PDB file of N, CA and C in Angstrom:
ATOM      1  N   MET A   1       0.876  -1.059  -0.020  1.00  0.00           N
ATOM      2  CA  MET A   1      -0.018  -0.112  -0.067  1.00  0.00           C
ATOM      3  C   MET A   1       0.870   1.212  -0.060  1.00  0.00           C
ATOM      4  N   PHE A   2       0.532   2.250  -0.668  1.00  0.00           N
ATOM      5  CA  PHE A   2       1.245   3.550  -0.800  1.00  0.00           C
ATOM      6  C   PHE A   2       0.943   4.210   0.336  1.00  0.00           C
ATOM      7  N   LYS A   3       2.115   5.016   0.824  1.00  0.00           N
ATOM      8  CA  LYS A   3       1.861   5.737   2.076  1.00  0.00           C
ATOM      9  C   LYS A   3       2.958   7.127   1.813  1.00  0.00           C
ATOM     10  N   TRP A   4       2.496   8.272   1.871  1.00  0.00           N
ATOM     11  CA  TRP A   4       3.232   9.638   1.883  1.00  0.00           C
ATOM     12  C   TRP A   4       3.899   9.585   3.093  1.00  0.00           C
ATOM     13  N   ASP A   5       5.214  10.219   2.794  1.00  0.00           N
ATOM     14  CA  ASP A   5       6.132  10.499   3.907  1.00  0.00           C
ATOM     15  C   ASP A   5       5.662  11.612   4.599  1.00  0.00           C
ATOM     16  N   SER A   6       5.227  11.373   5.966  1.00  0.00           N
ATOM     17  CA  SER A   6       4.671  12.609   6.674  1.00  0.00           C
ATOM     18  C   SER A   6       5.594  13.620   7.126  1.00  0.00           C
ATOM     19  N   ASN A   7       6.843  13.315   6.948  1.00  0.00           N
ATOM     20  CA  ASN A   7       7.770  14.157   7.656  1.00  0.00           C
ATOM     21  C   ASN A   7       8.326  15.276   6.581  1.00  0.00           C
ATOM     22  N   LEU A   8       7.721  15.046   5.171  1.00  0.00           N
ATOM     23  CA  LEU A   8       8.052  16.044   4.237  1.00  0.00           C
ATOM     24  C   LEU A   8       7.623  17.567   4.705  1.00  0.00           C
ATOM     25  N   SER A   9       8.509  18.455   4.263  1.00  0.00           N
ATOM     26  CA  SER A   9       8.120  19.763   4.401  1.00  0.00           C
ATOM     27  C   SER A   9       7.087  20.301   3.396  1.00  0.00           C
ATOM     28  N   GLU A  10       6.514  21.499   3.502  1.00  0.00           N
ATOM     29  CA  GLU A  10       5.549  22.107   2.648  1.00  0.00           C
ATOM     30  C   GLU A  10       6.140  22.089   1.201  1.00  0.00           C
ATOM     31  N   SER A  11       7.446  22.696   1.008  1.00  0.00           N
ATOM     32  CA  SER A  11       8.167  22.885  -0.140  1.00  0.00           C
ATOM     33  C   SER A  11       8.354  21.453  -0.839  1.00  0.00           C
ATOM     34  N   GLU A  12       8.860  20.514  -0.163  1.00  0.00           N
ATOM     35  CA  GLU A  12       9.116  19.003  -0.601  1.00  0.00           C
ATOM     36  C   GLU A  12       7.845  18.550  -1.034  1.00  0.00           C
ATOM     37  N   ARG A  13       6.515  18.853  -0.543  1.00  0.00           N
ATOM     38  CA  ARG A  13       5.360  18.271  -1.045  1.00  0.00           C
ATOM     39  C   ARG A  13       4.976  18.723  -2.218  1.00  0.00           C
ATOM     40  N   ILE A  14       5.166  20.324  -2.282  1.00  0.00           N
ATOM     41  CA  ILE A  14       4.918  20.938  -3.710  1.00  0.00           C
ATOM     42  C   ILE A  14       5.801  20.451  -4.676  1.00  0.00           C
ATOM     43  N   LYS A  15       7.049  20.118  -4.450  1.00  0.00           N
ATOM     44  CA  LYS A  15       8.021  19.657  -5.477  1.00  0.00           C
ATOM     45  C   LYS A  15       7.489  18.319  -6.037  1.00  0.00           C
ATOM     46  N   LYS A  16       7.045  17.520  -5.080  1.00  0.00           N
ATOM     47  CA  LYS A  16       6.511  16.148  -5.227  1.00  0.00           C
ATOM     48  C   LYS A  16       5.253  16.168  -6.148  1.00  0.00           C
ATOM     49  N   ASN A  17       4.423  17.117  -5.879  1.00  0.00           N
ATOM     50  CA  ASN A  17       3.070  17.299  -6.470  1.00  0.00           C
ATOM     51  C   ASN A  17       3.520  17.745  -8.166  1.00  0.00           C
ATOM     52  N   VAL A  18       4.342  18.563  -8.209  1.00  0.00           N
ATOM     53  CA  VAL A  18       4.754  19.258  -9.638  1.00  0.00           C
ATOM     54  C   VAL A  18       5.383  17.813 -10.361  1.00  0.00           C
ATOM     55  N   LEU A  19       6.204  17.158  -9.776  1.00  0.00           N
ATOM     56  CA  LEU A  19       6.790  16.269 -10.454  1.00  0.00           C
ATOM     57  C   LEU A  19       5.798  15.222 -10.980  1.00  0.00           C
ATOM     58  N   ASN A  20       4.851  14.813 -10.140  1.00  0.00           N
ATOM     59  CA  ASN A  20       3.800  13.985 -10.456  1.00  0.00           C
ATOM     60  C   ASN A  20       3.028  14.541 -11.557  1.00  0.00           C
ATOM     61  N   LEU A  21       2.733  15.780 -11.445  1.00  0.00           N
ATOM     62  CA  LEU A  21       1.833  16.468 -12.632  1.00  0.00           C
ATOM     63  C   LEU A  21       2.718  16.400 -13.994  1.00  0.00           C
ATOM     64  N   LEU A  22       3.739  16.579 -13.928  1.00  0.00           N
ATOM     65  CA  LEU A  22       4.746  16.515 -15.149  1.00  0.00           C
ATOM     66  C   LEU A  22       4.865  15.215 -15.631  1.00  0.00           C
ATOM     67  N   ASN A  23       4.759  14.145 -14.850  1.00  0.00           N
ATOM     68  CA  ASN A  23       5.015  12.796 -15.371  1.00  0.00           C
ATOM     69  C   ASN A  23       3.680  12.060 -15.862  1.00  0.00           C
ATOM     70  N   ILE A  24       2.358  12.863 -15.668  1.00  0.00           N
ATOM     71  CA  ILE A  24       1.145  12.429 -16.209  1.00  0.00           C
ATOM     72  C   ILE A  24       0.813  12.871 -17.686  1.00  0.00           C
ATOM     73  N   ARG A  25       0.377  12.075 -18.641  1.00  0.00           N
ATOM     74  CA  ARG A  25       0.000  12.318 -19.752  1.00  0.00           C
ATOM     75  C   ARG A  25      -1.376  12.609 -19.914  1.00  0.00           C
ATOM     76  N   LYS A  26      -2.023  13.662 -20.788  1.00  0.00           N
ATOM     77  CA  LYS A  26      -3.369  13.793 -20.771  1.00  0.00           C
ATOM     78  C   LYS A  26      -3.979  12.421 -21.330  1.00  0.00           C
ATOM     79  N   ASN A  27      -5.199  12.438 -20.669  1.00  0.00           N
ATOM     80  CA  ASN A  27      -5.932  11.300 -20.841  1.00  0.00           C
ATOM     81  C   ASN A  27      -5.580   9.917 -20.033  1.00  0.00           C
ATOM     82  N   GLU A  28      -4.708  10.216 -19.211  1.00  0.00           N
ATOM     83  CA  GLU A  28      -4.245   9.032 -18.387  1.00  0.00           C
ATOM     84  C   GLU A  28      -5.187   9.093 -17.004  1.00  0.00           C
ATOM     85  N   VAL A  29      -5.692   9.965 -16.718  1.00  0.00           N
ATOM     86  CA  VAL A  29      -6.380  10.047 -15.474  1.00  0.00           C
ATOM     87  C   VAL A  29      -7.790   9.772 -15.686  1.00  0.00           C
ATOM     88  N   CYS A  30      -8.516   8.901 -15.025  1.00  0.00           N
ATOM     89  CA  CYS A  30      -9.891   8.634 -15.368  1.00  0.00           C
ATOM     90  C   CYS A  30     -10.928   9.727 -15.347  1.00  0.00           C
ATOM     91  N   PHE A  31     -10.787  10.295 -14.133  1.00  0.00           N
ATOM     92  CA  PHE A  31     -11.923  11.155 -14.008  1.00  0.00           C
ATOM     93  C   PHE A  31     -11.492  12.713 -14.165  1.00  0.00           C
ATOM     94  N   ASP A  32     -10.214  12.992 -14.782  1.00  0.00           N
ATOM     95  CA  ASP A  32      -9.728  14.387 -15.067  1.00  0.00           C
ATOM     96  C   ASP A  32      -8.862  14.146 -16.357  1.00  0.00           C
ATOM     97  N   ARG A  33      -9.556  13.878 -17.521  1.00  0.00           N
ATOM     98  CA  ARG A  33      -8.709  13.689 -18.672  1.00  0.00           C
ATOM     99  C   ARG A  33      -7.960  14.828 -19.171  1.00  0.00           C
ATOM    100  N   ASP A  34      -8.179  16.080 -18.686  1.00  0.00           N
ATOM    101  CA  ASP A  34      -7.356  17.135 -19.080  1.00  0.00           C
ATOM    102  C   ASP A  34      -6.040  17.429 -17.996  1.00  0.00           C
ATOM    103  N   MET A  35      -5.909  16.648 -17.092  1.00  0.00           N
ATOM    104  CA  MET A  35      -4.770  16.559 -16.361  1.00  0.00           C
ATOM    105  C   MET A  35      -3.716  16.023 -16.987  1.00  0.00           C
ATOM    106  N   GLY A  36      -2.404  16.526 -16.676  1.00  0.00           N
ATOM    107  CA  GLY A  36      -1.132  16.090 -17.394  1.00  0.00           C
ATOM    108  C   GLY A  36      -0.755  16.868 -18.644  1.00  0.00           C
ATOM    109  N   VAL A  37       0.270  16.523 -19.206  1.00  0.00           N
ATOM    110  CA  VAL A  37       0.853  17.162 -20.254  1.00  0.00           C
ATOM    111  C   VAL A  37       0.708  16.528 -21.635  1.00  0.00           C
ATOM    112  N   SER A  38       0.294  17.129 -22.493  1.00  0.00           N
ATOM    113  CA  SER A  38      -0.081  16.729 -23.965  1.00  0.00           C
ATOM    114  C   SER A  38       1.242  16.117 -24.644  1.00  0.00           C
ATOM    115  N   ALA A  39       0.785  15.334 -25.582  1.00  0.00           N
ATOM    116  CA  ALA A  39       1.969  14.744 -26.396  1.00  0.00           C
ATOM    117  C   ALA A  39       1.789  15.279 -27.804  1.00  0.00           C
ATOM    118  N   ASP A  40       1.200  16.583 -27.929  1.00  0.00           N
ATOM    119  CA  ASP A  40       0.984  17.199 -29.207  1.00  0.00           C
ATOM    120  C   ASP A  40       2.128  17.582 -29.813  1.00  0.00           C
ATOM    121  N   TYR A  41       3.112  18.013 -28.949  1.00  0.00           N
ATOM    122  CA  TYR A  41       4.370  18.716 -29.504  1.00  0.00           C
ATOM    123  C   TYR A  41       5.443  17.818 -29.982  1.00  0.00           C
ATOM    124  N   ILE A  42       5.162  16.602 -29.987  1.00  0.00           N
ATOM    125  CA  ILE A  42       6.157  15.419 -30.282  1.00  0.00           C
ATOM    126  C   ILE A  42       6.699  15.873 -31.689  1.00  0.00           C
ATOM    127  N   ASP A  43       5.960  16.023 -32.737  1.00  0.00           N
ATOM    128  CA  ASP A  43       6.602  16.240 -34.079  1.00  0.00           C
ATOM    129  C   ASP A  43       6.906  17.624 -34.471  1.00  0.00           C
ATOM    130  N   LYS A  44       7.128  18.526 -33.286  1.00  0.00           N
ATOM    131  CA  LYS A  44       7.156  19.858 -33.738  1.00  0.00           C
ATOM    132  C   LYS A  44       8.535  20.333 -33.833  1.00  0.00           C
ATOM    133  N   THR A  45       8.834  21.624 -34.374  1.00  0.00           N
ATOM    134  CA  THR A  45      10.311  21.940 -34.096  1.00  0.00           C
ATOM    135  C   THR A  45      10.617  22.509 -32.666  1.00  0.00           C
ATOM    136  N   GLU A  46      11.905  22.606 -32.605  1.00  0.00           N
ATOM    137  CA  GLU A  46      12.414  22.942 -31.073  1.00  0.00           C
ATOM    138  C   GLU A  46      11.735  24.164 -30.614  1.00  0.00           C
ATOM    139  N   ASN A  47      11.570  25.310 -31.509  1.00  0.00           N
ATOM    140  CA  ASN A  47      10.996  26.684 -31.020  1.00  0.00           C
ATOM    141  C   ASN A  47       9.572  26.257 -30.580  1.00  0.00           C
ATOM    142  N   LYS A  48       8.881  25.757 -31.272  1.00  0.00           N
ATOM    143  CA  LYS A  48       7.444  25.445 -31.130  1.00  0.00           C
ATOM    144  C   LYS A  48       7.382  24.286 -29.895  1.00  0.00           C
ATOM    145  N   ILE A  49       8.179  23.495 -29.833  1.00  0.00           N
ATOM    146  CA  ILE A  49       8.028  22.638 -28.509  1.00  0.00           C
ATOM    147  C   ILE A  49       8.198  23.406 -27.244  1.00  0.00           C
ATOM    148  N   THR A  50       9.257  24.271 -27.383  1.00  0.00           N
ATOM    149  CA  THR A  50       9.518  25.013 -26.002  1.00  0.00           C
ATOM    150  C   THR A  50       8.204  25.841 -25.817  1.00  0.00           C
ATOM    151  N   SER A  51       7.762  26.739 -26.711  1.00  0.00           N
ATOM    152  CA  SER A  51       6.517  27.366 -26.345  1.00  0.00           C
ATOM    153  C   SER A  51       5.268  26.794 -26.084  1.00  0.00           C
ATOM    154  N   LEU A  52       5.005  25.675 -26.684  1.00  0.00           N
ATOM    155  CA  LEU A  52       4.015  24.988 -26.398  1.00  0.00           C
ATOM    156  C   LEU A  52       4.138  24.124 -24.862  1.00  0.00           C
ATOM    157  N   MET A  53       5.079  23.649 -24.779  1.00  0.00           N
ATOM    158  CA  MET A  53       5.088  22.997 -23.381  1.00  0.00           C
ATOM    159  C   MET A  53       5.368  23.898 -22.220  1.00  0.00           C
ATOM    160  N   LEU A  54       6.089  25.026 -22.409  1.00  0.00           N
ATOM    161  CA  LEU A  54       6.064  25.983 -21.158  1.00  0.00           C
ATOM    162  C   LEU A  54       4.393  26.378 -20.953  1.00  0.00           C
ATOM    163  N   THR A  55       3.857  27.129 -21.939  1.00  0.00           N
ATOM    164  CA  THR A  55       2.496  27.528 -21.965  1.00  0.00           C
ATOM    165  C   THR A  55       1.714  26.442 -21.250  1.00  0.00           C
ATOM    166  N   GLU A  56       1.499  25.239 -21.662  1.00  0.00           N
ATOM    167  CA  GLU A  56       0.843  24.229 -21.061  1.00  0.00           C
ATOM    168  C   GLU A  56       1.071  23.907 -19.849  1.00  0.00           C
ATOM    169  N   ILE A  57       2.467  23.756 -19.435  1.00  0.00           N
ATOM    170  CA  ILE A  57       2.870  23.267 -18.224  1.00  0.00           C
ATOM    171  C   ILE A  57       2.537  24.583 -17.201  1.00  0.00           C
ATOM    172  N   GLN A  58       2.639  25.793 -17.560  1.00  0.00           N
ATOM    173  CA  GLN A  58       2.319  26.900 -16.788  1.00  0.00           C
ATOM    174  C   GLN A  58       0.787  26.809 -16.531  1.00  0.00           C
ATOM    175  N   GLU A  59       0.000  26.676 -17.450  1.00  0.00           N
ATOM    176  CA  GLU A  59      -1.720  26.650 -17.170  1.00  0.00           C
ATOM    177  C   GLU A  59      -1.919  25.595 -16.203  1.00  0.00           C
ATOM    178  N   MET A  60      -1.374  24.194 -16.626  1.00  0.00           N
ATOM    179  CA  MET A  60      -1.516  23.209 -15.747  1.00  0.00           C
ATOM    180  C   MET A  60      -1.173  23.257 -14.385  1.00  0.00           C
ATOM    181  N   LEU A  61      -0.042  23.931 -13.908  1.00  0.00           N
ATOM    182  CA  LEU A  61       0.312  24.045 -12.795  1.00  0.00           C
ATOM    183  C   LEU A  61      -0.251  25.197 -11.979  1.00  0.00           C
ATOM    184  N   SER A  62      -0.716  26.141 -12.786  1.00  0.00           N
ATOM    185  CA  SER A  62      -1.569  27.225 -12.022  1.00  0.00           C
ATOM    186  C   SER A  62      -3.183  26.781 -11.598  1.00  0.00           C
ATOM    187  N   GLU A  63      -3.565  25.782 -12.340  1.00  0.00           N
ATOM    188  CA  GLU A  63      -4.828  25.151 -12.030  1.00  0.00           C
ATOM    189  C   GLU A  63      -4.566  24.216 -10.891  1.00  0.00           C
ATOM    190  N   LYS A  64      -3.703  23.073 -11.045  1.00  0.00           N
ATOM    191  CA  LYS A  64      -3.560  21.935 -10.297  1.00  0.00           C
ATOM    192  C   LYS A  64      -2.778  22.133  -9.129  1.00  0.00           C
ATOM    193  N   GLU A  65      -1.843  22.902  -9.130  1.00  0.00           N
ATOM    194  CA  GLU A  65      -0.860  23.232  -7.927  1.00  0.00           C
ATOM    195  C   GLU A  65      -0.408  24.735  -7.924  1.00  0.00           C
ATOM    196  N   PRO A  66      -1.447  25.645  -7.416  1.00  0.00           N
ATOM    197  CA  PRO A  66      -1.213  27.074  -7.466  1.00  0.00           C
ATOM    198  C   PRO A  66      -0.003  27.515  -6.401  1.00  0.00           C
ATOM    199  N   ARG A  67       0.265  26.550  -5.592  1.00  0.00           N
ATOM    200  CA  ARG A  67       1.139  26.841  -4.481  1.00  0.00           C
ATOM    201  C   ARG A  67       2.650  27.119  -5.271  1.00  0.00           C
ATOM    202  N   ALA A  68       2.961  26.337  -6.399  1.00  0.00           N
ATOM    203  CA  ALA A  68       4.208  26.508  -7.152  1.00  0.00           C
ATOM    204  C   ALA A  68       3.972  27.340  -8.266  1.00  0.00           C
ATOM    205  N   ALA A  69       5.325  27.970  -8.440  1.00  0.00           N
ATOM    206  CA  ALA A  69       5.385  29.090  -9.578  1.00  0.00           C
ATOM    207  C   ALA A  69       6.652  28.542 -10.417  1.00  0.00           C
ATOM    208  N   VAL A  70       6.566  28.042 -11.666  1.00  0.00           N
ATOM    209  CA  VAL A  70       7.702  27.520 -12.407  1.00  0.00           C
ATOM    210  C   VAL A  70       8.039  28.725 -13.147  1.00  0.00           C
ATOM    211  N   SER A  71       9.539  29.153 -12.867  1.00  0.00           N
ATOM    212  CA  SER A  71      10.162  30.319 -13.584  1.00  0.00           C
ATOM    213  C   SER A  71      10.349  29.839 -15.209  1.00  0.00           C
ATOM    214  N   VAL A  72      10.156  30.664 -16.148  1.00  0.00           N
ATOM    215  CA  VAL A  72      10.301  30.491 -17.425  1.00  0.00           C
ATOM    216  C   VAL A  72      11.755  30.874 -17.862  1.00  0.00           C
ATOM    217  N   GLY A  73      12.420  30.197 -18.754  1.00  0.00           N
ATOM    218  CA  GLY A  73      13.724  30.396 -19.105  1.00  0.00           C
ATOM    219  C   GLY A  73      14.344  29.432 -19.955  1.00  0.00           C
ATOM    220  N   ASN A  74      15.480  29.054 -20.097  1.00  0.00           N
ATOM    221  CA  ASN A  74      16.032  27.930 -20.770  1.00  0.00           C
ATOM    222  C   ASN A  74      15.787  26.647 -19.932  1.00  0.00           C
ATOM    223  N   LEU A  75      14.614  26.346 -19.966  1.00  0.00           N
ATOM    224  CA  LEU A  75      14.114  24.913 -19.186  1.00  0.00           C
ATOM    225  C   LEU A  75      14.314  23.676 -20.047  1.00  0.00           C
ATOM    226  N   ILE A  76      13.983  23.939 -21.185  1.00  0.00           N
ATOM    227  CA  ILE A  76      14.022  22.733 -22.406  1.00  0.00           C
ATOM    228  C   ILE A  76      15.406  22.768 -23.045  1.00  0.00           C
ATOM    229  N   THR A  77      16.177  21.709 -22.823  1.00  0.00           N
ATOM    230  CA  THR A  77      17.432  21.660 -23.793  1.00  0.00           C
ATOM    231  C   THR A  77      17.312  20.585 -24.757  1.00  0.00           C
ATOM    232  N   PHE A  78      17.939  20.765 -25.912  1.00  0.00           N
ATOM    233  CA  PHE A  78      18.163  19.418 -26.798  1.00  0.00           C
ATOM    234  C   PHE A  78      19.491  19.164 -26.963  1.00  0.00           C
ATOM    235  N   ASN A  79      19.842  17.872 -27.156  1.00  0.00           N
ATOM    236  CA  ASN A  79      21.211  17.293 -27.559  1.00  0.00           C
ATOM    237  C   ASN A  79      21.092  17.063 -29.073  1.00  0.00           C
ATOM    238  N   GLU A  80      22.136  16.757 -29.540  1.00  0.00           N
ATOM    239  CA  GLU A  80      22.407  16.540 -31.064  1.00  0.00           C
ATOM    240  C   GLU A  80      21.350  15.330 -31.631  1.00  0.00           C
ATOM    241  N   ASN A  81      20.924  14.579 -30.797  1.00  0.00           N
ATOM    242  CA  ASN A  81      19.926  13.507 -31.271  1.00  0.00           C
ATOM    243  C   ASN A  81      18.624  13.928 -31.336  1.00  0.00           C
ATOM    244  N   GLY A  82      18.364  15.270 -31.220  1.00  0.00           N
ATOM    245  CA  GLY A  82      16.852  15.701 -30.841  1.00  0.00           C
ATOM    246  C   GLY A  82      16.211  15.401 -29.787  1.00  0.00           C
ATOM    247  N   GLU A  83      16.761  14.653 -28.786  1.00  0.00           N
ATOM    248  CA  GLU A  83      16.165  14.394 -27.546  1.00  0.00           C
ATOM    249  C   GLU A  83      16.128  15.518 -26.630  1.00  0.00           C
ATOM    250  N   TYR A  84      15.091  15.767 -25.813  1.00  0.00           N
ATOM    251  CA  TYR A  84      15.090  16.982 -24.891  1.00  0.00           C
ATOM    252  C   TYR A  84      15.197  16.618 -23.590  1.00  0.00           C
ATOM    253  N   SER A  85      15.513  17.427 -22.711  1.00  0.00           N
ATOM    254  CA  SER A  85      15.384  17.105 -21.281  1.00  0.00           C
ATOM    255  C   SER A  85      14.860  18.667 -20.579  1.00  0.00           C
ATOM    256  N   PHE A  86      14.071  18.305 -19.588  1.00  0.00           N
ATOM    257  CA  PHE A  86      13.215  19.377 -19.004  1.00  0.00           C
ATOM    258  C   PHE A  86      13.717  19.631 -17.600  1.00  0.00           C
ATOM    259  N   LYS A  87      13.957  20.832 -17.290  1.00  0.00           N
ATOM    260  CA  LYS A  87      14.299  21.262 -15.982  1.00  0.00           C
ATOM    261  C   LYS A  87      13.414  22.520 -15.495  1.00  0.00           C
ATOM    262  N   ALA A  88      12.882  22.252 -14.557  1.00  0.00           N
ATOM    263  CA  ALA A  88      12.061  23.395 -13.986  1.00  0.00           C
ATOM    264  C   ALA A  88      12.635  24.024 -12.676  1.00  0.00           C
ATOM    265  N   VAL A  89      12.406  25.089 -12.485  1.00  0.00           N
ATOM    266  CA  VAL A  89      12.737  25.976 -11.318  1.00  0.00           C
ATOM    267  C   VAL A  89      11.399  26.305 -10.746  1.00  0.00           C
ATOM    268  N   ILE A  90      11.283  25.789  -9.437  1.00  0.00           N
ATOM    269  CA  ILE A  90      10.058  25.866  -8.661  1.00  0.00           C
ATOM    270  C   ILE A  90      10.296  26.737  -7.573  1.00  0.00           C
ATOM    271  N   SER A  91       9.405  27.760  -7.272  1.00  0.00           N
ATOM    272  CA  SER A  91       9.393  28.520  -6.197  1.00  0.00           C
ATOM    273  C   SER A  91       7.891  28.586  -5.502  1.00  0.00           C
ATOM    274  N   SER A  92       7.886  28.238  -4.253  1.00  0.00           N
ATOM    275  CA  SER A  92       6.725  28.177  -3.403  1.00  0.00           C
ATOM    276  C   SER A  92       5.990  29.719  -3.537  1.00  0.00           C
ATOM    277  N   VAL A  93       4.708  30.010  -3.746  1.00  0.00           N
ATOM    278  CA  VAL A  93       4.014  31.052  -3.591  1.00  0.00           C
ATOM    279  C   VAL A  93       3.366  31.147  -2.125  1.00  0.00           C
TER     280      VAL A  93
END
């Protein structure tokens, strides 16, 4: 059975919630099909991916985890194979 660690601070709980939200894909959650990140950006160019993902993530977090504020910047990086990595800077509100 899953059990949350009760010793987590408020900021650690917020980080955990944000990480969980970023790992969910749209249509994965039965009673909230809009929760999560869309896969619509998969075949887009780097500039479109960056703007689409950041906009979507900011909207989702403002609705689902309003205690977190994700700073916008060079959060998405691409390597020579076209693979991307995402880094979020989270500050509690």
